[in-house]
């Protein structure tokens, strides 16, 4: 865990600020390859319990309600609905096998509904980078805010619905 956090801090101190995303994904994959089926699940779960509020708190804190346009909210909901339907259909199709019943495949499709935290974590990158470059990138700031709004609304909408459907 300290190595993962260290990689993010090292990325922030370097000139390649977006390396933290690559480092986190690579580190997670490396841990999977090293541990395999013998991962320390209890320890990871205990750590996640304490890290989770910081992660979700910073994601929610990044959304500036004063800058959201009502037209963006409507488009965001349409985007979320279309994306969720496409993902549901993709899971149903990709899990087609004699190994799974249709009920199990539908459950797999429904269990993917609340998977929106990673996109929301990465959604602020466009807005942050465009803001750092100045007013000449005002269009990119607008696009970044729209992406961030959509991603955070996806969490607000999809997480409770997905949890309810999984139960």
Protein backbone atom coordinates (compact mmCIF):
# COMPACT_ATOMS: atom_id res chain seq x y z
CA UNK A 1 0.00 0.00 0.00
CA UNK A 2 2.85 2.36 0.82
CA UNK A 3 4.44 1.61 -2.55
CA UNK A 4 1.21 2.50 -4.34
CA UNK A 5 0.89 5.77 -2.44
CA UNK A 6 4.59 6.47 -3.03
CA UNK A 7 4.13 6.03 -6.78
CA UNK A 8 1.34 8.62 -6.79
CA UNK A 9 3.41 11.10 -4.78
CA UNK A 10 6.45 10.54 -7.01
CA UNK A 11 4.30 11.19 -10.06
CA UNK A 12 3.01 14.47 -8.61
CA UNK A 13 6.56 15.60 -7.89
CA UNK A 14 7.76 14.68 -11.39
CA UNK A 15 7.04 16.44 -14.66
CA UNK A 16 4.84 13.55 -15.85
CA UNK A 17 1.84 14.13 -13.61
CA UNK A 18 -0.47 11.61 -15.28
CA UNK A 19 1.97 8.78 -14.58
CA UNK A 20 0.12 8.18 -11.32
CA UNK A 21 -2.76 6.57 -13.18
CA UNK A 22 -0.44 4.25 -15.08
CA UNK A 23 1.52 3.51 -11.91
CA UNK A 24 -1.60 2.62 -9.89
CA UNK A 25 -2.94 0.30 -12.57
CA UNK A 26 0.45 -1.32 -13.12
CA UNK A 27 0.99 -1.74 -9.40
CA UNK A 28 -2.41 -3.37 -8.96
CA UNK A 29 -1.76 -5.76 -11.83
CA UNK A 30 1.72 -6.57 -10.49
CA UNK A 31 0.28 -7.37 -7.06
CA UNK A 32 -2.26 -9.68 -8.71
CA UNK A 33 0.51 -11.47 -10.63
CA UNK A 34 2.67 -11.87 -7.51
CA UNK A 35 -0.06 -12.90 -5.05
CA UNK A 36 -2.38 -14.80 -7.37
CA UNK A 37 -4.98 -16.61 -5.30
CA UNK A 38 -3.03 -16.03 -2.06
CA UNK A 39 -3.64 -12.30 -1.75
CA UNK A 40 -4.00 -10.84 1.75
CA UNK A 41 -7.74 -10.19 1.38
CA UNK A 42 -8.41 -9.35 5.02
CA UNK A 43 -5.58 -6.81 5.20
CA UNK A 44 -6.61 -5.22 1.91
CA UNK A 45 -10.23 -5.04 3.12
CA UNK A 46 -9.14 -3.42 6.38
CA UNK A 47 -7.06 -0.83 4.48
CA UNK A 48 -9.90 -0.16 2.05
CA UNK A 49 -12.24 0.57 4.96
CA UNK A 50 -10.05 3.54 5.97
CA UNK A 51 -9.05 4.73 2.48
CA UNK A 52 -12.56 4.66 0.97
CA UNK A 53 -13.89 7.87 2.63
CA UNK A 54 -10.87 9.84 1.40
CA UNK A 55 -11.29 8.60 -2.15
CA UNK A 56 -15.02 9.26 -2.39
CA UNK A 57 -14.78 12.49 -0.42
CA UNK A 58 -12.26 13.95 -2.85
CA UNK A 59 -14.34 12.84 -5.85
CA UNK A 60 -17.48 14.48 -4.46
CA UNK A 61 -15.55 17.54 -3.36
CA UNK A 62 -14.29 18.08 -6.91
CA UNK A 63 -17.78 18.77 -8.27
CA UNK A 64 -18.63 22.45 -8.30
CA UNK A 65 -22.42 22.68 -8.29
CA UNK A 66 -22.31 26.38 -9.16
CA UNK A 67 -20.70 25.57 -12.52
CA UNK A 68 -23.12 22.84 -13.61
CA UNK A 69 -25.51 23.76 -16.38
CA UNK A 70 -28.97 22.20 -16.35
CA UNK A 71 -28.53 21.06 -19.97
CA UNK A 72 -25.44 19.10 -18.90
CA UNK A 73 -27.47 17.19 -16.31
CA UNK A 74 -30.02 16.05 -18.89
CA UNK A 75 -27.31 14.99 -21.33
CA UNK A 76 -25.46 13.25 -18.52
CA UNK A 77 -28.50 11.15 -17.62
CA UNK A 78 -28.98 10.16 -21.26
CA UNK A 79 -25.30 9.23 -21.52
CA UNK A 80 -25.47 7.20 -18.29
CA UNK A 81 -28.60 5.30 -19.37
CA UNK A 82 -27.22 4.49 -22.83
CA UNK A 83 -23.85 3.44 -21.40
CA UNK A 84 -25.44 1.21 -18.77
CA UNK A 85 -27.67 -0.47 -21.34
CA UNK A 86 -24.71 -1.05 -23.65
CA UNK A 87 -22.63 -2.49 -20.81
CA UNK A 88 -25.51 -4.73 -19.71
CA UNK A 89 -25.95 -6.10 -23.24
CA UNK A 90 -22.17 -6.53 -23.65
CA UNK A 91 -21.97 -8.55 -20.43
CA UNK A 92 -24.91 -10.74 -21.46
CA UNK A 93 -23.32 -11.38 -24.87
CA UNK A 94 -19.76 -11.89 -23.63
CA UNK A 95 -20.85 -14.29 -20.89
CA UNK A 96 -22.74 -16.50 -23.34
CA UNK A 97 -21.64 -20.00 -22.47
CA UNK A 98 -23.09 -23.32 -21.44
CA UNK A 99 -21.38 -22.72 -18.13
CA UNK A 100 -23.85 -19.95 -17.14
CA UNK A 101 -27.63 -19.91 -17.07
CA UNK A 102 -29.53 -16.88 -18.34
CA UNK A 103 -30.33 -15.92 -14.74
CA UNK A 104 -26.62 -15.90 -13.86
CA UNK A 105 -25.79 -13.86 -16.95
CA UNK A 106 -28.46 -11.29 -16.08
CA UNK A 107 -27.07 -11.11 -12.55
CA UNK A 108 -23.59 -10.47 -13.96
CA UNK A 109 -24.99 -7.68 -16.13
CA UNK A 110 -26.79 -6.11 -13.18
CA UNK A 111 -23.74 -6.39 -10.94
CA UNK A 112 -21.81 -4.11 -13.31
CA UNK A 113 -24.26 -1.24 -12.84
CA UNK A 114 -22.55 0.28 -9.78
CA UNK A 115 -19.06 0.21 -11.37
CA UNK A 116 -18.55 3.94 -11.83
CA UNK A 117 -16.01 5.02 -9.23
CA UNK A 118 -12.87 4.63 -11.35
CA UNK A 119 -14.24 6.74 -14.23
CA UNK A 120 -15.29 9.37 -11.71
CA UNK A 121 -11.80 9.36 -10.24
CA UNK A 122 -10.26 9.95 -13.65
CA UNK A 123 -12.95 12.36 -14.86
CA UNK A 124 -11.39 15.44 -13.31
CA UNK A 125 -8.15 15.09 -15.28
CA UNK A 126 -9.39 16.95 -18.38
CA UNK A 127 -10.85 19.79 -16.35
CA UNK A 128 -7.79 20.10 -14.11
CA UNK A 129 -5.33 20.06 -17.01
CA UNK A 130 -7.35 22.55 -19.08
CA UNK A 131 -7.71 24.87 -16.08
CA UNK A 132 -3.97 24.76 -15.49
CA UNK A 133 -3.31 25.79 -19.10
CA UNK A 134 -5.37 28.96 -18.82
CA UNK A 135 -8.29 30.69 -20.47
CA UNK A 136 -7.19 29.84 -24.02
CA UNK A 137 -8.49 26.33 -23.31
CA UNK A 138 -11.93 27.44 -22.12
CA UNK A 139 -13.71 24.91 -24.39
CA UNK A 140 -11.69 22.08 -22.86
CA UNK A 141 -12.56 23.31 -19.39
CA UNK A 142 -16.23 23.13 -20.37
CA UNK A 143 -15.79 19.61 -21.77
CA UNK A 144 -13.89 18.55 -18.65
CA UNK A 145 -16.64 19.87 -16.39
CA UNK A 146 -19.25 18.01 -18.44
CA UNK A 147 -17.26 14.77 -18.18
CA UNK A 148 -16.78 15.24 -14.45
CA UNK A 149 -20.47 16.03 -13.92
CA UNK A 150 -21.51 12.93 -15.86
CA UNK A 151 -19.11 10.69 -13.95
CA UNK A 152 -20.19 11.93 -10.53
CA UNK A 153 -23.87 11.72 -11.43
CA UNK A 154 -23.18 8.14 -12.54
CA UNK A 155 -22.04 7.36 -9.00
CA UNK A 156 -25.03 9.11 -7.44
CA UNK A 157 -27.50 7.29 -9.71
CA UNK A 158 -25.90 3.91 -10.39
CA UNK A 159 -24.43 2.94 -7.03
CA UNK A 160 -27.73 2.78 -5.08
CA UNK A 161 -29.66 1.24 -7.98
CA UNK A 162 -26.95 -1.36 -8.57
CA UNK A 163 -26.71 -2.24 -4.89
CA UNK A 164 -30.48 -2.64 -4.67
CA UNK A 165 -30.61 -4.86 -7.76
CA UNK A 166 -27.70 -7.03 -6.58
CA UNK A 167 -29.42 -7.61 -3.23
